[in-house]
Structures are given as C-alpha cells and as structure tokens.
Amino acid sequence: MLILIFPAPEKSKGKSKAKGKSNAKGSGQAYPPHMENEHFVGSGVTDSGPGPGFPSIMADSSILARKYEYRRRMPHYQKPGHPVFVTFCKLIRDPFPEAASDLVLAHCLHDHGKRIDLHAAVVMPDHVHLLLTPLPDEHGWPHPLPAILKLIKGISAHSVNQLLGTSGPVWQEESFEHTLRSDESFKDKLEYIRQNPVRRGLVAKPEDYRWLWCRADTPVRRP
C-alpha cells in the first residue's frame, strides 16, 4: 500500500480559523502545479483502518473517478472519437484450428454497437487485427481500450481453451494500438486488414476469407 506523507501545515501568523472547519485549500498541503486540478480517488485506508477523510473520499462520484482514470492511463493514444488499429498475437504461433478461429471472430464482434464501433476485423492463423472506435459509456467517456481488449482476449481465450481441452494463456500479454488521425490513414488500415489473408497466400481475394469481417458501410477500395 502506498502512503503519501505531506509536511505539516505551517502555523498561521494571522487569525486562527475556527475549530471544526477545514477544507482542501486551507489544509496547508502543497501540490505540484500539474496536480492541482486533478481529481484523485483513493481508499482512505491505512494499516490502522480508515482515516478521517474516508467518508468524503468514498462519496466522490464515479464520474470523477472515471475521468481521472481515463486521463491517467491513456492520454497518449486514446482520443475520443478516433478509430484505433489494434493487433494482438497468439502466445504460441501454431495456427488456430477453424473452429477456434470462428470463436475468436465471434468474440471480436460481440461488443460491436455496445462498447465499440467495429469497422473491420480479421482473425489470422496466429494473430488478430481490429479497426475500431471506442463508444462513450453512460457518462460520455470512451470505454477504455485496455478494458475492451482485456475482455475480448480473456473471453476468447477461455472459449478456445474449452474447445481444445487446453488451459493457460492463449494470447501474448502485449497488444499493439495505433490511433488513426486522418481518413486516408483509416482507408489504408482497412485495406491492410482486408488484404492480410491475400498477402499470406490463404485466399485469392479478401471476400473469400472466412474470418474477415467488415461493416457494411465501411468504405472498401475496389480493383
């Protein structure tokens, strides 16, 4: 458990405040400038039990908690409303059997229209590509990408293990994400996903690949 210790407030030389009245600005605690406008949510618990501020901390709204968590964990790549190109790979590079690929694709599609707007997905023998945009939650904040991927990878791994009678991790822990910033970049990544099975020599044209999915209104380049 991490315990932050701040220096005791200096004694005021002016008139003392009435006992029993205190607030954050008058506490004497100095925060770095970049932290002054942030909202922190903590447990308020030490080894000796809840501290005096525990009730007020627990009363913080979930909106502020989600806002801080969003800003803390992913300001470097998740931009609201921007599509994200995602890749994750099998832990063992042996190819999926067909039935396992069916399950993985089904799990990739499961949250389309709920947590994500899925533009395209392809399940290759040893990796997956997704092109998606996280949708806003009930508070208007985008669903966090790490949580989205953890759900897809976790549930699909469980299903694959059940199917194959195996156990343990199916996917590599790392996933690779890239936020797209232009329409041209979107079309490039979409075409990259579509042509992936063709480049690997699995089919002659994208439409013949069983584990490729593109949203009906997704712009597709035609030869």
C-alpha atoms as a PDB file:
ATOM      1  CA  MET A   1       0.000   0.000   0.000  1.00  0.00           C
ATOM      2  CA  LEU A   2       1.304   3.431  -0.990  1.00  0.00           C
ATOM      3  CA  ILE A   3       1.010   6.077   1.733  1.00  0.00           C
ATOM      4  CA  LEU A   4       1.662   9.699   0.817  1.00  0.00           C
ATOM      5  CA  ILE A   5       3.103  11.834   3.613  1.00  0.00           C
ATOM      6  CA  PHE A   6       2.850  15.592   3.316  1.00  0.00           C
ATOM      7  CA  PRO A   7       4.612  18.130   5.508  1.00  0.00           C
ATOM      8  CA  ALA A   8       2.609  19.509   8.389  1.00  0.00           C
ATOM      9  CA  PRO A   9       0.966  22.870   7.615  1.00  0.00           C
ATOM     10  CA  GLU A  10       2.767  25.929   8.865  1.00  0.00           C
ATOM     11  CA  LYS A  11       1.150  27.725  11.748  1.00  0.00           C
ATOM     12  CA  SER A  12      -0.747  30.750  10.620  1.00  0.00           C
ATOM     13  CA  LYS A  13       0.566  34.065  11.867  1.00  0.00           C
ATOM     14  CA  GLY A  14      -2.793  35.712  11.381  1.00  0.00           C
ATOM     15  CA  LYS A  15      -6.142  34.966  12.919  1.00  0.00           C
ATOM     16  CA  SER A  16      -6.735  31.324  13.595  1.00  0.00           C
ATOM     17  CA  LYS A  17      -9.634  29.538  11.909  1.00  0.00           C
ATOM     18  CA  ALA A  18     -12.485  28.240  13.978  1.00  0.00           C
ATOM     19  CA  LYS A  19     -12.053  24.646  15.052  1.00  0.00           C
ATOM     20  CA  GLY A  20     -14.017  22.067  13.189  1.00  0.00           C
ATOM     21  CA  LYS A  21     -13.904  23.986   9.883  1.00  0.00           C
ATOM     22  CA  SER A  22     -11.443  22.873   7.277  1.00  0.00           C
ATOM     23  CA  ASN A  23     -11.195  22.450   3.545  1.00  0.00           C
ATOM     24  CA  ALA A  24      -8.658  21.300   0.982  1.00  0.00           C
ATOM     25  CA  LYS A  25      -7.490  24.813   0.138  1.00  0.00           C
ATOM     26  CA  GLY A  26      -6.914  25.649   3.760  1.00  0.00           C
ATOM     27  CA  SER A  27      -5.221  22.410   4.671  1.00  0.00           C
ATOM     28  CA  GLY A  28      -1.720  23.734   4.085  1.00  0.00           C
ATOM     29  CA  GLN A  29      -0.857  20.855   1.751  1.00  0.00           C
ATOM     30  CA  ALA A  30       1.030  21.952  -1.340  1.00  0.00           C
ATOM     31  CA  TYR A  31       0.534  20.008  -4.568  1.00  0.00           C
ATOM     32  CA  PRO A  32       2.647  20.298  -7.723  1.00  0.00           C
ATOM     33  CA  PRO A  33       1.039  22.695 -10.221  1.00  0.00           C
ATOM     34  CA  HIS A  34       0.114  19.909 -12.679  1.00  0.00           C
ATOM     35  CA  MET A  35      -1.867  18.084  -9.961  1.00  0.00           C
ATOM     36  CA  GLU A  36      -3.872  20.985  -8.607  1.00  0.00           C
ATOM     37  CA  ASN A  37      -6.865  20.488 -10.910  1.00  0.00           C
ATOM     38  CA  GLU A  38      -6.904  16.702 -10.888  1.00  0.00           C
ATOM     39  CA  HIS A  39      -9.464  14.618  -9.013  1.00  0.00           C
ATOM     40  CA  PHE A  40      -7.945  11.773  -7.010  1.00  0.00           C
ATOM     41  CA  VAL A  41      -9.897   8.841  -5.715  1.00  0.00           C
ATOM     42  CA  GLY A  42      -8.336   6.618  -3.065  1.00  0.00           C
ATOM     43  CA  SER A  43      -9.338   4.176  -0.396  1.00  0.00           C
ATOM     44  CA  GLY A  44      -8.575   6.417   2.586  1.00  0.00           C
ATOM     45  CA  VAL A  45      -7.437   3.283   4.417  1.00  0.00           C
ATOM     46  CA  THR A  46      -4.169   2.806   6.281  1.00  0.00           C
ATOM     47  CA  ASP A  47      -2.868  -0.165   8.238  1.00  0.00           C
ATOM     48  CA  SER A  48      -4.713   1.107  11.273  1.00  0.00           C
ATOM     49  CA  GLY A  49      -8.063   1.400   9.467  1.00  0.00           C
ATOM     50  CA  PRO A  50      -9.986   4.101   7.604  1.00  0.00           C
ATOM     51  CA  GLY A  51      -8.669   7.615   8.027  1.00  0.00           C
ATOM     52  CA  PRO A  52     -10.796  10.616   8.986  1.00  0.00           C
ATOM     53  CA  GLY A  53     -11.398  11.519   5.370  1.00  0.00           C
ATOM     54  CA  PHE A  54     -12.733   8.100   4.423  1.00  0.00           C
ATOM     55  CA  PRO A  55     -16.450   9.008   4.188  1.00  0.00           C
ATOM     56  CA  SER A  56     -15.825  12.028   1.978  1.00  0.00           C
ATOM     57  CA  ILE A  57     -13.445  10.094  -0.277  1.00  0.00           C
ATOM     58  CA  MET A  58     -15.938   7.279  -0.715  1.00  0.00           C
ATOM     59  CA  ALA A  59     -18.590   9.858  -1.573  1.00  0.00           C
ATOM     60  CA  ASP A  60     -16.663  11.019  -4.673  1.00  0.00           C
ATOM     61  CA  SER A  61     -18.755  10.459  -7.771  1.00  0.00           C
ATOM     62  CA  SER A  62     -17.945   7.629 -10.157  1.00  0.00           C
ATOM     63  CA  ILE A  63     -17.871  10.200 -12.955  1.00  0.00           C
ATOM     64  CA  LEU A  64     -14.851  11.949 -11.460  1.00  0.00           C
ATOM     65  CA  ALA A  65     -13.197   8.619 -10.772  1.00  0.00           C
ATOM     66  CA  ARG A  66     -13.681   7.503 -14.359  1.00  0.00           C
ATOM     67  CA  LYS A  67     -12.482  10.866 -15.671  1.00  0.00           C
ATOM     68  CA  TYR A  68      -9.243  10.667 -13.720  1.00  0.00           C
ATOM     69  CA  GLU A  69      -8.665   7.017 -14.621  1.00  0.00           C
ATOM     70  CA  TYR A  70      -9.189   7.801 -18.298  1.00  0.00           C
ATOM     71  CA  ARG A  71      -6.794  10.762 -18.236  1.00  0.00           C
ATOM     72  CA  ARG A  72      -4.176   8.923 -16.170  1.00  0.00           C
ATOM     73  CA  ARG A  73      -3.976   5.695 -18.134  1.00  0.00           C
ATOM     74  CA  MET A  74      -4.307   6.580 -21.777  1.00  0.00           C
ATOM     75  CA  PRO A  75      -3.856  10.232 -22.775  1.00  0.00           C
ATOM     76  CA  HIS A  76      -1.023   9.176 -25.079  1.00  0.00           C
ATOM     77  CA  TYR A  77      -3.066   7.148 -27.554  1.00  0.00           C
ATOM     78  CA  GLN A  78      -6.812   7.104 -26.956  1.00  0.00           C
ATOM     79  CA  LYS A  79      -8.537  10.121 -28.459  1.00  0.00           C
ATOM     80  CA  PRO A  80     -12.328  10.321 -28.183  1.00  0.00           C
ATOM     81  CA  GLY A  81     -13.987   9.553 -31.499  1.00  0.00           C
ATOM     82  CA  HIS A  82     -10.788   8.444 -33.244  1.00  0.00           C
ATOM     83  CA  PRO A  83     -10.524   4.949 -34.754  1.00  0.00           C
ATOM     84  CA  VAL A  84      -7.813   2.683 -33.357  1.00  0.00           C
ATOM     85  CA  PHE A  85      -5.906  -0.018 -35.236  1.00  0.00           C
ATOM     86  CA  VAL A  86      -5.231  -2.946 -32.900  1.00  0.00           C
ATOM     87  CA  THR A  87      -3.112  -6.086 -33.243  1.00  0.00           C
ATOM     88  CA  PHE A  88      -2.694  -8.938 -30.777  1.00  0.00           C
ATOM     89  CA  CYS A  89      -0.905 -12.240 -31.314  1.00  0.00           C
ATOM     90  CA  LYS A  90      -1.115 -15.824 -30.141  1.00  0.00           C
ATOM     91  CA  LEU A  91       1.285 -16.801 -27.413  1.00  0.00           C
ATOM     92  CA  ILE A  92       2.188 -19.990 -29.292  1.00  0.00           C
ATOM     93  CA  ARG A  93       2.409 -19.419 -33.030  1.00  0.00           C
ATOM     94  CA  ASP A  94       0.778 -22.722 -34.002  1.00  0.00           C
ATOM     95  CA  PRO A  95      -2.219 -21.796 -36.160  1.00  0.00           C
ATOM     96  CA  PHE A  96      -5.764 -21.845 -34.812  1.00  0.00           C
ATOM     97  CA  PRO A  97      -7.991 -24.661 -35.995  1.00  0.00           C
ATOM     98  CA  GLU A  98     -11.013 -23.423 -37.948  1.00  0.00           C
ATOM     99  CA  ALA A  99     -13.474 -23.850 -35.085  1.00  0.00           C
ATOM    100  CA  ALA A 100     -11.233 -21.788 -32.782  1.00  0.00           C
ATOM    101  CA  SER A 101     -10.998 -19.007 -35.386  1.00  0.00           C
ATOM    102  CA  ASP A 102     -14.812 -18.984 -35.543  1.00  0.00           C
ATOM    103  CA  LEU A 103     -14.975 -18.452 -31.774  1.00  0.00           C
ATOM    104  CA  VAL A 104     -12.372 -15.676 -31.768  1.00  0.00           C
ATOM    105  CA  LEU A 105     -14.144 -13.759 -34.538  1.00  0.00           C
ATOM    106  CA  ALA A 106     -17.471 -14.112 -32.726  1.00  0.00           C
ATOM    107  CA  HIS A 107     -15.959 -12.611 -29.559  1.00  0.00           C
ATOM    108  CA  CYS A 108     -14.421  -9.743 -31.552  1.00  0.00           C
ATOM    109  CA  LEU A 109     -17.898  -8.944 -32.914  1.00  0.00           C
ATOM    110  CA  HIS A 110     -19.738  -9.349 -29.621  1.00  0.00           C
ATOM    111  CA  ASP A 111     -19.365  -5.759 -28.337  1.00  0.00           C
ATOM    112  CA  HIS A 112     -19.968  -4.081 -31.702  1.00  0.00           C
ATOM    113  CA  GLY A 113     -22.541  -1.358 -31.059  1.00  0.00           C
ATOM    114  CA  LYS A 114     -22.130  -1.682 -27.279  1.00  0.00           C
ATOM    115  CA  ARG A 115     -18.602  -0.745 -26.186  1.00  0.00           C
ATOM    116  CA  ILE A 116     -17.084  -0.349 -29.643  1.00  0.00           C
ATOM    117  CA  ASP A 117     -17.932   0.646 -33.181  1.00  0.00           C
ATOM    118  CA  LEU A 118     -16.130  -2.130 -35.059  1.00  0.00           C
ATOM    119  CA  HIS A 119     -15.165  -1.199 -38.608  1.00  0.00           C
ATOM    120  CA  ALA A 120     -13.222  -4.329 -39.555  1.00  0.00           C
ATOM    121  CA  ALA A 121     -11.728  -7.470 -38.043  1.00  0.00           C
ATOM    122  CA  VAL A 122      -9.618 -10.327 -39.305  1.00  0.00           C
ATOM    123  CA  VAL A 123      -8.593 -13.458 -37.436  1.00  0.00           C
ATOM    124  CA  MET A 124      -5.374 -14.785 -38.936  1.00  0.00           C
ATOM    125  CA  PRO A 125      -3.898 -18.181 -38.014  1.00  0.00           C
ATOM    126  CA  ASP A 126      -1.664 -16.626 -35.362  1.00  0.00           C
ATOM    127  CA  HIS A 127      -2.847 -13.040 -34.775  1.00  0.00           C
ATOM    128  CA  VAL A 128      -5.833 -10.685 -34.922  1.00  0.00           C
ATOM    129  CA  HIS A 129      -6.269  -7.213 -36.420  1.00  0.00           C
ATOM    130  CA  LEU A 130      -9.119  -4.913 -35.377  1.00  0.00           C
ATOM    131  CA  LEU A 131     -10.121  -1.462 -36.588  1.00  0.00           C
ATOM    132  CA  LEU A 132     -12.468   0.041 -34.024  1.00  0.00           C
ATOM    133  CA  THR A 133     -13.679   3.202 -32.333  1.00  0.00           C
ATOM    134  CA  PRO A 134     -14.459   3.028 -28.584  1.00  0.00           C
ATOM    135  CA  LEU A 135     -18.002   4.197 -27.887  1.00  0.00           C
ATOM    136  CA  PRO A 136     -18.923   6.501 -24.980  1.00  0.00           C
ATOM    137  CA  ASP A 137     -20.182   4.996 -21.749  1.00  0.00           C
ATOM    138  CA  GLU A 138     -23.186   6.214 -19.753  1.00  0.00           C
ATOM    139  CA  HIS A 139     -21.167   9.229 -18.557  1.00  0.00           C
ATOM    140  CA  GLY A 140     -19.972  10.224 -22.026  1.00  0.00           C
ATOM    141  CA  TRP A 141     -16.391   8.971 -21.642  1.00  0.00           C
ATOM    142  CA  PRO A 142     -14.989   6.475 -24.192  1.00  0.00           C
ATOM    143  CA  HIS A 143     -14.803   2.920 -22.939  1.00  0.00           C
ATOM    144  CA  PRO A 144     -11.107   2.385 -22.064  1.00  0.00           C
ATOM    145  CA  LEU A 145      -9.252   0.458 -24.730  1.00  0.00           C
ATOM    146  CA  PRO A 146      -7.325  -1.729 -22.243  1.00  0.00           C
ATOM    147  CA  ALA A 147     -10.627  -2.885 -20.741  1.00  0.00           C
ATOM    148  CA  ILE A 148     -12.087  -3.588 -24.199  1.00  0.00           C
ATOM    149  CA  LEU A 149      -9.103  -5.697 -25.234  1.00  0.00           C
ATOM    150  CA  LYS A 150      -8.888  -7.480 -21.901  1.00  0.00           C
ATOM    151  CA  LEU A 151     -12.499  -8.574 -22.321  1.00  0.00           C
ATOM    152  CA  ILE A 152     -12.063  -9.755 -25.914  1.00  0.00           C
ATOM    153  CA  LYS A 153      -8.817 -11.591 -25.230  1.00  0.00           C
ATOM    154  CA  GLY A 154      -9.907 -13.040 -21.901  1.00  0.00           C
ATOM    155  CA  ILE A 155     -13.262 -14.442 -23.001  1.00  0.00           C
ATOM    156  CA  SER A 156     -11.961 -15.705 -26.348  1.00  0.00           C
ATOM    157  CA  ALA A 157      -9.057 -17.460 -24.605  1.00  0.00           C
ATOM    158  CA  HIS A 158     -11.498 -19.151 -22.231  1.00  0.00           C
ATOM    159  CA  SER A 159     -13.653 -20.322 -25.153  1.00  0.00           C
ATOM    160  CA  VAL A 160     -10.664 -21.582 -27.153  1.00  0.00           C
ATOM    161  CA  ASN A 161      -9.327 -23.490 -24.151  1.00  0.00           C
ATOM    162  CA  GLN A 162     -12.736 -25.077 -23.612  1.00  0.00           C
ATOM    163  CA  LEU A 163     -12.934 -26.065 -27.271  1.00  0.00           C
ATOM    164  CA  LEU A 164      -9.435 -27.555 -27.418  1.00  0.00           C
ATOM    165  CA  GLY A 165      -9.369 -29.029 -23.920  1.00  0.00           C
ATOM    166  CA  THR A 166      -6.366 -26.900 -23.005  1.00  0.00           C
ATOM    167  CA  SER A 167      -5.606 -24.360 -20.295  1.00  0.00           C
ATOM    168  CA  GLY A 168      -3.462 -21.291 -19.719  1.00  0.00           C
ATOM    169  CA  PRO A 169      -2.822 -18.129 -21.757  1.00  0.00           C
ATOM    170  CA  VAL A 170      -3.765 -18.095 -25.431  1.00  0.00           C
ATOM    171  CA  TRP A 171      -2.654 -14.550 -26.299  1.00  0.00           C
ATOM    172  CA  GLN A 172       0.534 -12.612 -25.753  1.00  0.00           C
ATOM    173  CA  GLU A 173       0.069 -10.103 -22.951  1.00  0.00           C
ATOM    174  CA  GLU A 174       1.042  -7.124 -25.107  1.00  0.00           C
ATOM    175  CA  SER A 175      -1.314  -5.643 -27.671  1.00  0.00           C
ATOM    176  CA  PHE A 176      -0.309  -3.030 -30.230  1.00  0.00           C
ATOM    177  CA  GLU A 177      -2.526   0.008 -30.758  1.00  0.00           C
ATOM    178  CA  HIS A 178      -2.280   2.946 -33.125  1.00  0.00           C
ATOM    179  CA  THR A 179      -4.714   5.871 -33.170  1.00  0.00           C
ATOM    180  CA  LEU A 180      -5.636   6.996 -36.673  1.00  0.00           C
ATOM    181  CA  ARG A 181      -5.695  10.712 -37.386  1.00  0.00           C
ATOM    182  CA  SER A 182      -6.944  11.010 -40.963  1.00  0.00           C
ATOM    183  CA  ASP A 183      -9.442   9.497 -43.356  1.00  0.00           C
ATOM    184  CA  GLU A 184      -6.633   8.316 -45.614  1.00  0.00           C
ATOM    185  CA  SER A 185      -4.976   6.531 -42.722  1.00  0.00           C
ATOM    186  CA  PHE A 186      -8.320   4.847 -41.974  1.00  0.00           C
ATOM    187  CA  LYS A 187      -8.619   3.591 -45.557  1.00  0.00           C
ATOM    188  CA  ASP A 188      -5.004   2.377 -45.531  1.00  0.00           C
ATOM    189  CA  LYS A 189      -5.507   0.355 -42.349  1.00  0.00           C
ATOM    190  CA  LEU A 190      -8.824  -1.005 -43.568  1.00  0.00           C
ATOM    191  CA  GLU A 191      -7.198  -2.198 -46.773  1.00  0.00           C
ATOM    192  CA  TYR A 192      -4.281  -3.630 -44.803  1.00  0.00           C
ATOM    193  CA  ILE A 193      -6.750  -5.734 -42.803  1.00  0.00           C
ATOM    194  CA  ARG A 194      -8.634  -6.848 -45.920  1.00  0.00           C
ATOM    195  CA  GLN A 195      -5.514  -7.822 -47.824  1.00  0.00           C
ATOM    196  CA  ASN A 196      -3.822  -9.603 -44.924  1.00  0.00           C
ATOM    197  CA  PRO A 197      -5.158 -13.079 -45.871  1.00  0.00           C
ATOM    198  CA  VAL A 198      -4.256 -12.449 -49.529  1.00  0.00           C
ATOM    199  CA  ARG A 199      -0.690 -11.468 -48.668  1.00  0.00           C
ATOM    200  CA  ARG A 200      -0.323 -14.641 -46.604  1.00  0.00           C
ATOM    201  CA  GLY A 201      -1.459 -16.731 -49.576  1.00  0.00           C
ATOM    202  CA  LEU A 202      -4.553 -18.026 -47.777  1.00  0.00           C
ATOM    203  CA  VAL A 203      -7.063 -16.800 -50.399  1.00  0.00           C
ATOM    204  CA  ALA A 204      -7.028 -15.165 -53.814  1.00  0.00           C
ATOM    205  CA  LYS A 205      -9.242 -12.242 -52.804  1.00  0.00           C
ATOM    206  CA  PRO A 206     -10.350 -10.799 -49.421  1.00  0.00           C
ATOM    207  CA  GLU A 207     -14.007 -11.748 -49.853  1.00  0.00           C
ATOM    208  CA  ASP A 208     -13.070 -15.438 -49.895  1.00  0.00           C
ATOM    209  CA  TYR A 209     -11.561 -15.399 -46.407  1.00  0.00           C
ATOM    210  CA  ARG A 210     -13.946 -16.843 -43.858  1.00  0.00           C
ATOM    211  CA  TRP A 211     -12.591 -14.924 -40.839  1.00  0.00           C
ATOM    212  CA  LEU A 212     -12.629 -11.425 -42.339  1.00  0.00           C
ATOM    213  CA  TRP A 213     -15.440  -9.079 -41.303  1.00  0.00           C
ATOM    214  CA  CYS A 214     -16.085  -5.508 -42.483  1.00  0.00           C
ATOM    215  CA  ARG A 215     -19.002  -3.324 -41.504  1.00  0.00           C
ATOM    216  CA  ALA A 216     -21.488  -2.951 -44.355  1.00  0.00           C
ATOM    217  CA  ASP A 217     -20.986   0.814 -44.710  1.00  0.00           C
ATOM    218  CA  THR A 218     -17.197   0.693 -44.361  1.00  0.00           C
ATOM    219  CA  PRO A 219     -15.565   2.167 -47.478  1.00  0.00           C
ATOM    220  CA  VAL A 220     -13.721  -0.541 -49.401  1.00  0.00           C
ATOM    221  CA  ARG A 221     -11.313   0.011 -52.272  1.00  0.00           C
ATOM    222  CA  ARG A 222     -12.345  -1.824 -55.392  1.00  0.00           C
ATOM    223  CA  PRO A 223      -9.827  -3.023 -58.037  1.00  0.00           C
END
